[in-house]
Amino acid sequence: NLQNNGGFILVKSSPDLKYTDVVVVKNLEGEFVAATQICSHESYPEVRFADVDGGIFYCDVHGSRFSQTGEPLNQADSKAEKPLKVYQIALTGTMLRVFE
């Protein structure tokens, strides 16, 4: 949940989707961050947030790790790593908006 620092939720970017595709995080500093749930390595929808190394996005399929700005932190195989898509966030009262 987003009540505690380090928590995250998975949401749909559109109500028409049948699956979640965005991970929204309250990072360890209490700031909101959102990124695609679709890993840039091989497009698996397994990106989550972990409260390690100051807070990172990771995909446990092949071990890809990304900073909170989307920059790759490792290389999972011989392919060059691509950045993870990170969204903008706007908090107005209790409404959190995620957008490009």
PDB file of N, CA and C in Angstrom:
ATOM      1  N   ASN A   1       0.835  -1.195   0.000  1.00  0.00           N
ATOM      2  CA  ASN A   1       0.000   0.000   0.000  1.00  0.00           C
ATOM      3  C   ASN A   1       0.869   1.244   0.000  1.00  0.00           C
ATOM      4  N   LEU A   2       0.273   2.376  -0.177  1.00  0.00           N
ATOM      5  CA  LEU A   2       1.028   3.623  -0.277  1.00  0.00           C
ATOM      6  C   LEU A   2       1.031   4.418   1.026  1.00  0.00           C
ATOM      7  N   GLN A   3       0.566   3.831   2.111  1.00  0.00           N
ATOM      8  CA  GLN A   3       0.575   4.537   3.390  1.00  0.00           C
ATOM      9  C   GLN A   3       1.970   4.594   3.998  1.00  0.00           C
ATOM     10  N   ASN A   4       2.778   3.579   3.712  1.00  0.00           N
ATOM     11  CA  ASN A   4       4.111   3.499   4.313  1.00  0.00           C
ATOM     12  C   ASN A   4       5.198   3.701   3.267  1.00  0.00           C
ATOM     13  N   ASN A   5       6.281   4.336   3.662  1.00  0.00           N
ATOM     14  CA  ASN A   5       7.436   4.471   2.780  1.00  0.00           C
ATOM     15  C   ASN A   5       7.923   3.086   2.382  1.00  0.00           C
ATOM     16  N   GLY A   6       8.214   2.912   1.103  1.00  0.00           N
ATOM     17  CA  GLY A   6       8.646   1.619   0.585  1.00  0.00           C
ATOM     18  C   GLY A   6       7.500   0.780   0.045  1.00  0.00           C
ATOM     19  N   GLY A   7       6.266   1.231   0.241  1.00  0.00           N
ATOM     20  CA  GLY A   7       5.111   0.487  -0.255  1.00  0.00           C
ATOM     21  C   GLY A   7       4.829   0.776  -1.713  1.00  0.00           C
ATOM     22  N   PHE A   8       4.126  -0.147  -2.369  1.00  0.00           N
ATOM     23  CA  PHE A   8       3.754   0.074  -3.764  1.00  0.00           C
ATOM     24  C   PHE A   8       2.423  -0.599  -4.057  1.00  0.00           C
ATOM     25  N   ILE A   9       1.782  -0.137  -5.128  1.00  0.00           N
ATOM     26  CA  ILE A   9       0.569  -0.762  -5.636  1.00  0.00           C
ATOM     27  C   ILE A   9       0.704  -0.917  -7.143  1.00  0.00           C
ATOM     28  N   LEU A  10      -0.058  -1.842  -7.700  1.00  0.00           N
ATOM     29  CA  LEU A  10      -0.093  -2.063  -9.136  1.00  0.00           C
ATOM     30  C   LEU A  10      -1.434  -1.556  -9.637  1.00  0.00           C
ATOM     31  N   VAL A  11      -1.410  -0.742 -10.695  1.00  0.00           N
ATOM     32  CA  VAL A  11      -2.639  -0.138 -11.213  1.00  0.00           C
ATOM     33  C   VAL A  11      -2.689  -0.255 -12.733  1.00  0.00           C
ATOM     34  N   LYS A  12      -3.882   0.002 -13.267  1.00  0.00           N
ATOM     35  CA  LYS A  12      -4.088   0.034 -14.712  1.00  0.00           C
ATOM     36  C   LYS A  12      -3.918   1.471 -15.202  1.00  0.00           C
ATOM     37  N   SER A  13      -3.258   1.649 -16.333  1.00  0.00           N
ATOM     38  CA  SER A  13      -3.133   2.989 -16.910  1.00  0.00           C
ATOM     39  C   SER A  13      -4.418   3.405 -17.613  1.00  0.00           C
ATOM     40  N   SER A  14      -5.291   2.439 -17.855  1.00  0.00           N
ATOM     41  CA  SER A  14      -6.583   2.710 -18.490  1.00  0.00           C
ATOM     42  C   SER A  14      -7.601   1.727 -17.914  1.00  0.00           C
ATOM     43  N   PRO A  15      -8.807   2.188 -17.605  1.00  0.00           N
ATOM     44  CA  PRO A  15      -9.813   1.274 -17.053  1.00  0.00           C
ATOM     45  C   PRO A  15     -10.200   0.163 -18.029  1.00  0.00           C
ATOM     46  N   ASP A  16      -9.896   0.333 -19.305  1.00  0.00           N
ATOM     47  CA  ASP A  16     -10.227  -0.677 -20.312  1.00  0.00           C
ATOM     48  C   ASP A  16      -9.277  -1.874 -20.297  1.00  0.00           C
ATOM     49  N   LEU A  17      -8.117  -1.732 -19.679  1.00  0.00           N
ATOM     50  CA  LEU A  17      -7.152  -2.834 -19.635  1.00  0.00           C
ATOM     51  C   LEU A  17      -7.651  -3.951 -18.734  1.00  0.00           C
ATOM     52  N   LYS A  18      -7.278  -5.175 -19.076  1.00  0.00           N
ATOM     53  CA  LYS A  18      -7.643  -6.338 -18.257  1.00  0.00           C
ATOM     54  C   LYS A  18      -6.523  -6.707 -17.278  1.00  0.00           C
ATOM     55  N   TYR A  19      -5.436  -5.946 -17.287  1.00  0.00           N
ATOM     56  CA  TYR A  19      -4.276  -6.242 -16.449  1.00  0.00           C
ATOM     57  C   TYR A  19      -3.688  -4.934 -15.916  1.00  0.00           C
ATOM     58  N   THR A  20      -2.888  -5.026 -14.862  1.00  0.00           N
ATOM     59  CA  THR A  20      -2.189  -3.841 -14.354  1.00  0.00           C
ATOM     60  C   THR A  20      -0.920  -3.645 -15.178  1.00  0.00           C
ATOM     61  N   ASP A  21      -0.537  -2.378 -15.363  1.00  0.00           N
ATOM     62  CA  ASP A  21       0.657  -2.106 -16.170  1.00  0.00           C
ATOM     63  C   ASP A  21       1.528  -0.989 -15.587  1.00  0.00           C
ATOM     64  N   VAL A  22       1.170  -0.478 -14.409  1.00  0.00           N
ATOM     65  CA  VAL A  22       1.948   0.590 -13.767  1.00  0.00           C
ATOM     66  C   VAL A  22       2.167   0.222 -12.307  1.00  0.00           C
ATOM     67  N   VAL A  23       3.385   0.436 -11.835  1.00  0.00           N
ATOM     68  CA  VAL A  23       3.689   0.269 -10.413  1.00  0.00           C
ATOM     69  C   VAL A  23       3.873   1.667  -9.820  1.00  0.00           C
ATOM     70  N   VAL A  24       3.066   1.983  -8.803  1.00  0.00           N
ATOM     71  CA  VAL A  24       3.120   3.281  -8.125  1.00  0.00           C
ATOM     72  C   VAL A  24       3.724   3.040  -6.753  1.00  0.00           C
ATOM     73  N   VAL A  25       4.711   3.853  -6.409  1.00  0.00           N
ATOM     74  CA  VAL A  25       5.531   3.637  -5.220  1.00  0.00           C
ATOM     75  C   VAL A  25       5.513   4.861  -4.320  1.00  0.00           C
ATOM     76  N   LYS A  26       5.538   4.621  -3.014  1.00  0.00           N
ATOM     77  CA  LYS A  26       5.905   5.675  -2.063  1.00  0.00           C
ATOM     78  C   LYS A  26       7.316   5.300  -1.624  1.00  0.00           C
ATOM     79  N   ASN A  27       8.300   6.014  -2.163  1.00  0.00           N
ATOM     80  CA  ASN A  27       9.688   5.599  -1.942  1.00  0.00           C
ATOM     81  C   ASN A  27      10.122   5.783  -0.485  1.00  0.00           C
ATOM     82  N   LEU A  28      11.352   5.461  -0.210  1.00  0.00           N
ATOM     83  CA  LEU A  28      11.847   5.475   1.169  1.00  0.00           C
ATOM     84  C   LEU A  28      11.908   6.874   1.750  1.00  0.00           C
ATOM     85  N   GLU A  29      11.895   7.903   0.886  1.00  0.00           N
ATOM     86  CA  GLU A  29      11.892   9.297   1.335  1.00  0.00           C
ATOM     87  C   GLU A  29      10.475   9.841   1.462  1.00  0.00           C
ATOM     88  N   GLY A  30       9.468   9.004   1.139  1.00  0.00           N
ATOM     89  CA  GLY A  30       8.077   9.426   1.233  1.00  0.00           C
ATOM     90  C   GLY A  30       7.554  10.128  -0.006  1.00  0.00           C
ATOM     91  N   GLU A  31       8.315  10.081  -1.099  1.00  0.00           N
ATOM     92  CA  GLU A  31       7.888  10.698  -2.357  1.00  0.00           C
ATOM     93  C   GLU A  31       7.266   9.635  -3.251  1.00  0.00           C
ATOM     94  N   PHE A  32       6.308  10.050  -4.082  1.00  0.00           N
ATOM     95  CA  PHE A  32       5.654   9.118  -4.994  1.00  0.00           C
ATOM     96  C   PHE A  32       6.416   9.039  -6.302  1.00  0.00           C
ATOM     97  N   VAL A  33       6.540   7.820  -6.821  1.00  0.00           N
ATOM     98  CA  VAL A  33       7.213   7.535  -8.083  1.00  0.00           C
ATOM     99  C   VAL A  33       6.370   6.485  -8.799  1.00  0.00           C
ATOM    100  N   ALA A  34       6.302   6.554 -10.117  1.00  0.00           N
ATOM    101  CA  ALA A  34       5.567   5.544 -10.885  1.00  0.00           C
ATOM    102  C   ALA A  34       6.367   5.138 -12.110  1.00  0.00           C
ATOM    103  N   ALA A  35       6.307   3.855 -12.426  1.00  0.00           N
ATOM    104  CA  ALA A  35       7.012   3.331 -13.598  1.00  0.00           C
ATOM    105  C   ALA A  35       6.160   2.255 -14.249  1.00  0.00           C
ATOM    106  N   THR A  36       6.490   1.955 -15.485  1.00  0.00           N
ATOM    107  CA  THR A  36       5.802   0.863 -16.142  1.00  0.00           C
ATOM    108  C   THR A  36       6.105  -0.442 -15.420  1.00  0.00           C
ATOM    109  N   GLN A  37       5.140  -1.316 -15.442  1.00  0.00           N
ATOM    110  CA  GLN A  37       5.317  -2.649 -14.863  1.00  0.00           C
ATOM    111  C   GLN A  37       5.953  -3.585 -15.889  1.00  0.00           C
ATOM    112  N   ILE A  38       6.066  -3.113 -17.142  1.00  0.00           N
ATOM    113  CA  ILE A  38       6.601  -3.914 -18.243  1.00  0.00           C
ATOM    114  C   ILE A  38       8.111  -3.705 -18.321  1.00  0.00           C
ATOM    115  N   CYS A  39       8.861  -4.743 -18.041  1.00  0.00           N
ATOM    116  CA  CYS A  39      10.321  -4.644 -18.013  1.00  0.00           C
ATOM    117  C   CYS A  39      10.873  -4.329 -19.396  1.00  0.00           C
ATOM    118  N   SER A  40      11.822  -3.418 -19.463  1.00  0.00           N
ATOM    119  CA  SER A  40      12.434  -3.036 -20.735  1.00  0.00           C
ATOM    120  C   SER A  40      13.389  -4.105 -21.265  1.00  0.00           C
ATOM    121  N   HIS A  41      13.732  -5.098 -20.443  1.00  0.00           N
ATOM    122  CA  HIS A  41      14.658  -6.148 -20.874  1.00  0.00           C
ATOM    123  C   HIS A  41      13.990  -7.107 -21.858  1.00  0.00           C
ATOM    124  N   GLU A  42      12.882  -7.752 -21.456  1.00  0.00           N
ATOM    125  CA  GLU A  42      12.198  -8.682 -22.355  1.00  0.00           C
ATOM    126  C   GLU A  42      10.682  -8.574 -22.251  1.00  0.00           C
ATOM    127  N   SER A  43      10.203  -7.444 -21.794  1.00  0.00           N
ATOM    128  CA  SER A  43       8.775  -7.099 -21.793  1.00  0.00           C
ATOM    129  C   SER A  43       7.885  -7.949 -20.887  1.00  0.00           C
ATOM    130  N   TYR A  44       8.452  -8.549 -19.861  1.00  0.00           N
ATOM    131  CA  TYR A  44       7.619  -9.255 -18.880  1.00  0.00           C
ATOM    132  C   TYR A  44       6.979  -8.229 -17.946  1.00  0.00           C
ATOM    133  N   PRO A  45       5.701  -8.406 -17.579  1.00  0.00           N
ATOM    134  CA  PRO A  45       5.009  -7.446 -16.703  1.00  0.00           C
ATOM    135  C   PRO A  45       5.267  -7.723 -15.232  1.00  0.00           C
ATOM    136  N   GLU A  46       6.525  -7.778 -14.841  1.00  0.00           N
ATOM    137  CA  GLU A  46       6.889  -8.206 -13.483  1.00  0.00           C
ATOM    138  C   GLU A  46       7.691  -7.176 -12.695  1.00  0.00           C
ATOM    139  N   VAL A  47       7.712  -5.924 -13.118  1.00  0.00           N
ATOM    140  CA  VAL A  47       8.488  -4.910 -12.398  1.00  0.00           C
ATOM    141  C   VAL A  47       7.798  -4.579 -11.079  1.00  0.00           C
ATOM    142  N   ARG A  48       8.569  -4.566 -10.017  1.00  0.00           N
ATOM    143  CA  ARG A  48       8.096  -4.249  -8.674  1.00  0.00           C
ATOM    144  C   ARG A  48       9.089  -3.275  -8.033  1.00  0.00           C
ATOM    145  N   PHE A  49       8.813  -2.853  -6.795  1.00  0.00           N
ATOM    146  CA  PHE A  49       9.706  -1.957  -6.066  1.00  0.00           C
ATOM    147  C   PHE A  49      10.297  -2.717  -4.894  1.00  0.00           C
ATOM    148  N   ALA A  50      11.559  -2.492  -4.625  1.00  0.00           N
ATOM    149  CA  ALA A  50      12.228  -3.114  -3.481  1.00  0.00           C
ATOM    150  C   ALA A  50      12.932  -2.039  -2.680  1.00  0.00           C
ATOM    151  N   ASP A  51      12.843  -2.143  -1.363  1.00  0.00           N
ATOM    152  CA  ASP A  51      13.481  -1.150  -0.493  1.00  0.00           C
ATOM    153  C   ASP A  51      14.921  -1.541  -0.181  1.00  0.00           C
ATOM    154  N   VAL A  52      15.680  -1.846  -1.225  1.00  0.00           N
ATOM    155  CA  VAL A  52      17.110  -2.131  -1.116  1.00  0.00           C
ATOM    156  C   VAL A  52      17.878  -1.057  -1.873  1.00  0.00           C
ATOM    157  N   ASP A  53      19.113  -0.840  -1.519  1.00  0.00           N
ATOM    158  CA  ASP A  53      19.974   0.128  -2.210  1.00  0.00           C
ATOM    159  C   ASP A  53      19.314   1.494  -2.365  1.00  0.00           C
ATOM    160  N   GLY A  54      18.571   1.927  -1.350  1.00  0.00           N
ATOM    161  CA  GLY A  54      17.904   3.217  -1.391  1.00  0.00           C
ATOM    162  C   GLY A  54      16.563   3.193  -2.107  1.00  0.00           C
ATOM    163  N   GLY A  55      16.156   2.012  -2.589  1.00  0.00           N
ATOM    164  CA  GLY A  55      14.889   1.852  -3.291  1.00  0.00           C
ATOM    165  C   GLY A  55      15.094   1.729  -4.784  1.00  0.00           C
ATOM    166  N   ILE A  56      14.742   0.580  -5.343  1.00  0.00           N
ATOM    167  CA  ILE A  56      14.936   0.325  -6.774  1.00  0.00           C
ATOM    168  C   ILE A  56      13.694  -0.346  -7.355  1.00  0.00           C
ATOM    169  N   PHE A  57      13.562  -0.270  -8.672  1.00  0.00           N
ATOM    170  CA  PHE A  57      12.611  -1.098  -9.398  1.00  0.00           C
ATOM    171  C   PHE A  57      13.374  -2.337  -9.840  1.00  0.00           C
ATOM    172  N   TYR A  58      12.711  -3.497  -9.816  1.00  0.00           N
ATOM    173  CA  TYR A  58      13.380  -4.715 -10.251  1.00  0.00           C
ATOM    174  C   TYR A  58      12.375  -5.639 -10.946  1.00  0.00           C
ATOM    175  N   CYS A  59      12.893  -6.491 -11.792  1.00  0.00           N
ATOM    176  CA  CYS A  59      12.107  -7.530 -12.443  1.00  0.00           C
ATOM    177  C   CYS A  59      12.742  -8.854 -12.051  1.00  0.00           C
ATOM    178  N   ASP A  60      11.978  -9.711 -11.397  1.00  0.00           N
ATOM    179  CA  ASP A  60      12.571 -10.962 -10.920  1.00  0.00           C
ATOM    180  C   ASP A  60      12.623 -12.060 -11.987  1.00  0.00           C
ATOM    181  N   VAL A  61      12.150 -11.781 -13.209  1.00  0.00           N
ATOM    182  CA  VAL A  61      12.234 -12.788 -14.268  1.00  0.00           C
ATOM    183  C   VAL A  61      13.697 -13.036 -14.644  1.00  0.00           C
ATOM    184  N   HIS A  62      14.441 -11.973 -14.938  1.00  0.00           N
ATOM    185  CA  HIS A  62      15.847 -12.109 -15.305  1.00  0.00           C
ATOM    186  C   HIS A  62      16.772 -11.284 -14.418  1.00  0.00           C
ATOM    187  N   GLY A  63      16.218 -10.638 -13.394  1.00  0.00           N
ATOM    188  CA  GLY A  63      17.053  -9.904 -12.449  1.00  0.00           C
ATOM    189  C   GLY A  63      17.378  -8.479 -12.833  1.00  0.00           C
ATOM    190  N   SER A  64      16.670  -7.913 -13.801  1.00  0.00           N
ATOM    191  CA  SER A  64      16.944  -6.524 -14.177  1.00  0.00           C
ATOM    192  C   SER A  64      16.612  -5.588 -13.022  1.00  0.00           C
ATOM    193  N   ARG A  65      17.475  -4.588 -12.823  1.00  0.00           N
ATOM    194  CA  ARG A  65      17.303  -3.625 -11.743  1.00  0.00           C
ATOM    195  C   ARG A  65      17.414  -2.217 -12.322  1.00  0.00           C
ATOM    196  N   PHE A  66      16.572  -1.303 -11.806  1.00  0.00           N
ATOM    197  CA  PHE A  66      16.519   0.060 -12.327  1.00  0.00           C
ATOM    198  C   PHE A  66      16.446   1.052 -11.179  1.00  0.00           C
ATOM    199  N   SER A  67      17.060   2.225 -11.392  1.00  0.00           N
ATOM    200  CA  SER A  67      16.952   3.296 -10.410  1.00  0.00           C
ATOM    201  C   SER A  67      15.532   3.851 -10.443  1.00  0.00           C
ATOM    202  N   GLN A  68      15.226   4.739  -9.513  1.00  0.00           N
ATOM    203  CA  GLN A  68      13.907   5.357  -9.475  1.00  0.00           C
ATOM    204  C   GLN A  68      13.690   6.327 -10.632  1.00  0.00           C
ATOM    205  N   THR A  69      14.747   6.650 -11.362  1.00  0.00           N
ATOM    206  CA  THR A  69      14.610   7.471 -12.565  1.00  0.00           C
ATOM    207  C   THR A  69      14.530   6.611 -13.824  1.00  0.00           C
ATOM    208  N   GLY A  70      14.579   5.289 -13.653  1.00  0.00           N
ATOM    209  CA  GLY A  70      14.466   4.361 -14.773  1.00  0.00           C
ATOM    210  C   GLY A  70      15.776   3.893 -15.368  1.00  0.00           C
ATOM    211  N   GLU A  71      16.888   4.433 -14.891  1.00  0.00           N
ATOM    212  CA  GLU A  71      18.189   4.040 -15.446  1.00  0.00           C
ATOM    213  C   GLU A  71      18.531   2.602 -15.054  1.00  0.00           C
ATOM    214  N   PRO A  72      19.028   1.797 -16.013  1.00  0.00           N
ATOM    215  CA  PRO A  72      19.429   0.427 -15.697  1.00  0.00           C
ATOM    216  C   PRO A  72      20.584   0.415 -14.702  1.00  0.00           C
ATOM    217  N   LEU A  73      20.522  -0.505 -13.739  1.00  0.00           N
ATOM    218  CA  LEU A  73      21.577  -0.623 -12.733  1.00  0.00           C
ATOM    219  C   LEU A  73      22.442  -1.859 -12.949  1.00  0.00           C
ATOM    220  N   ASN A  74      22.003  -2.734 -13.846  1.00  0.00           N
ATOM    221  CA  ASN A  74      22.786  -3.942 -14.120  1.00  0.00           C
ATOM    222  C   ASN A  74      22.504  -4.390 -15.550  1.00  0.00           C
ATOM    223  N   GLN A  75      23.191  -5.431 -15.962  1.00  0.00           N
ATOM    224  CA  GLN A  75      22.965  -6.015 -17.277  1.00  0.00           C
ATOM    225  C   GLN A  75      22.587  -7.466 -17.046  1.00  0.00           C
ATOM    226  N   ALA A  76      21.349  -7.849 -17.417  1.00  0.00           N
ATOM    227  CA  ALA A  76      20.838  -9.187 -17.138  1.00  0.00           C
ATOM    228  C   ALA A  76      21.446 -10.255 -18.041  1.00  0.00           C
ATOM    229  N   ASP A  77      21.827  -9.885 -19.250  1.00  0.00           N
ATOM    230  CA  ASP A  77      22.469 -10.818 -20.171  1.00  0.00           C
ATOM    231  C   ASP A  77      23.317 -10.021 -21.159  1.00  0.00           C
ATOM    232  N   SER A  78      23.587 -10.577 -22.324  1.00  0.00           N
ATOM    233  CA  SER A  78      24.466  -9.882 -23.271  1.00  0.00           C
ATOM    234  C   SER A  78      23.794  -8.710 -23.982  1.00  0.00           C
ATOM    235  N   LYS A  79      22.463  -8.592 -23.866  1.00  0.00           N
ATOM    236  CA  LYS A  79      21.761  -7.469 -24.495  1.00  0.00           C
ATOM    237  C   LYS A  79      22.031  -6.180 -23.729  1.00  0.00           C
ATOM    238  N   ALA A  80      22.123  -5.087 -24.461  1.00  0.00           N
ATOM    239  CA  ALA A  80      22.273  -3.788 -23.798  1.00  0.00           C
ATOM    240  C   ALA A  80      20.974  -3.461 -23.066  1.00  0.00           C
ATOM    241  N   GLU A  81      21.085  -2.993 -21.846  1.00  0.00           N
ATOM    242  CA  GLU A  81      19.902  -2.654 -21.057  1.00  0.00           C
ATOM    243  C   GLU A  81      19.312  -1.337 -21.530  1.00  0.00           C
ATOM    244  N   LYS A  82      17.985  -1.257 -21.520  1.00  0.00           N
ATOM    245  CA  LYS A  82      17.273  -0.038 -21.894  1.00  0.00           C
ATOM    246  C   LYS A  82      16.627   0.540 -20.637  1.00  0.00           C
ATOM    247  N   PRO A  83      16.442   1.850 -20.590  1.00  0.00           N
ATOM    248  CA  PRO A  83      15.799   2.457 -19.418  1.00  0.00           C
ATOM    249  C   PRO A  83      14.366   1.964 -19.243  1.00  0.00           C
ATOM    250  N   LEU A  84      13.915   1.990 -18.015  1.00  0.00           N
ATOM    251  CA  LEU A  84      12.535   1.676 -17.667  1.00  0.00           C
ATOM    252  C   LEU A  84      11.727   2.956 -17.775  1.00  0.00           C
ATOM    253  N   LYS A  85      10.545   2.871 -18.362  1.00  0.00           N
ATOM    254  CA  LYS A  85       9.700   4.056 -18.510  1.00  0.00           C
ATOM    255  C   LYS A  85       9.194   4.501 -17.141  1.00  0.00           C
ATOM    256  N   VAL A  86       9.450   5.763 -16.809  1.00  0.00           N
ATOM    257  CA  VAL A  86       9.008   6.356 -15.544  1.00  0.00           C
ATOM    258  C   VAL A  86       8.004   7.459 -15.874  1.00  0.00           C
ATOM    259  N   TYR A  87       6.931   7.506 -15.111  1.00  0.00           N
ATOM    260  CA  TYR A  87       5.865   8.475 -15.345  1.00  0.00           C
ATOM    261  C   TYR A  87       5.997   9.681 -14.416  1.00  0.00           C
ATOM    262  N   GLN A  88       5.311  10.751 -14.778  1.00  0.00           N
ATOM    263  CA  GLN A  88       5.222  11.918 -13.906  1.00  0.00           C
ATOM    264  C   GLN A  88       4.104  11.680 -12.890  1.00  0.00           C
ATOM    265  N   ILE A  89       4.208  12.370 -11.758  1.00  0.00           N
ATOM    266  CA  ILE A  89       3.248  12.228 -10.653  1.00  0.00           C
ATOM    267  C   ILE A  89       2.799  13.615 -10.228  1.00  0.00           C
ATOM    268  N   ALA A  90       1.517  13.747  -9.918  1.00  0.00           N
ATOM    269  CA  ALA A  90       1.000  14.991  -9.350  1.00  0.00           C
ATOM    270  C   ALA A  90       0.066  14.616  -8.201  1.00  0.00           C
ATOM    271  N   LEU A  91       0.327  15.158  -7.025  1.00  0.00           N
ATOM    272  CA  LEU A  91      -0.510  14.915  -5.851  1.00  0.00           C
ATOM    273  C   LEU A  91      -1.271  16.192  -5.533  1.00  0.00           C
ATOM    274  N   THR A  92      -2.608  16.111  -5.571  1.00  0.00           N
ATOM    275  CA  THR A  92      -3.475  17.235  -5.245  1.00  0.00           C
ATOM    276  C   THR A  92      -4.429  16.758  -4.163  1.00  0.00           C
ATOM    277  N   GLY A  93      -4.213  17.218  -2.928  1.00  0.00           N
ATOM    278  CA  GLY A  93      -5.010  16.723  -1.812  1.00  0.00           C
ATOM    279  C   GLY A  93      -4.750  15.233  -1.629  1.00  0.00           C
ATOM    280  N   THR A  94      -5.783  14.424  -1.786  1.00  0.00           N
ATOM    281  CA  THR A  94      -5.613  12.984  -1.665  1.00  0.00           C
ATOM    282  C   THR A  94      -5.643  12.288  -3.026  1.00  0.00           C
ATOM    283  N   MET A  95      -5.681  13.059  -4.106  1.00  0.00           N
ATOM    284  CA  MET A  95      -5.730  12.502  -5.464  1.00  0.00           C
ATOM    285  C   MET A  95      -4.321  12.456  -6.052  1.00  0.00           C
ATOM    286  N   LEU A  96      -3.879  11.261  -6.399  1.00  0.00           N
ATOM    287  CA  LEU A  96      -2.573  11.067  -7.012  1.00  0.00           C
ATOM    288  C   LEU A  96      -2.788  10.782  -8.488  1.00  0.00           C
ATOM    289  N   ARG A  97      -2.198  11.605  -9.328  1.00  0.00           N
ATOM    290  CA  ARG A  97      -2.347  11.460 -10.768  1.00  0.00           C
ATOM    291  C   ARG A  97      -1.031  10.987 -11.373  1.00  0.00           C
ATOM    292  N   VAL A  98      -1.086   9.960 -12.215  1.00  0.00           N
ATOM    293  CA  VAL A  98       0.066   9.433 -12.915  1.00  0.00           C
ATOM    294  C   VAL A  98      -0.132   9.730 -14.398  1.00  0.00           C
ATOM    295  N   PHE A  99       0.872  10.334 -15.032  1.00  0.00           N
ATOM    296  CA  PHE A  99       0.726  10.707 -16.435  1.00  0.00           C
ATOM    297  C   PHE A  99       2.077  10.763 -17.124  1.00  0.00           C
ATOM    298  N   GLU A 100       2.030  10.868 -18.470  1.00  0.00           N
ATOM    299  CA  GLU A 100       3.265  10.943 -19.258  1.00  0.00           C
ATOM    300  C   GLU A 100       3.684  12.373 -19.454  1.00  0.00           C
TER     301      GLU A 100
END
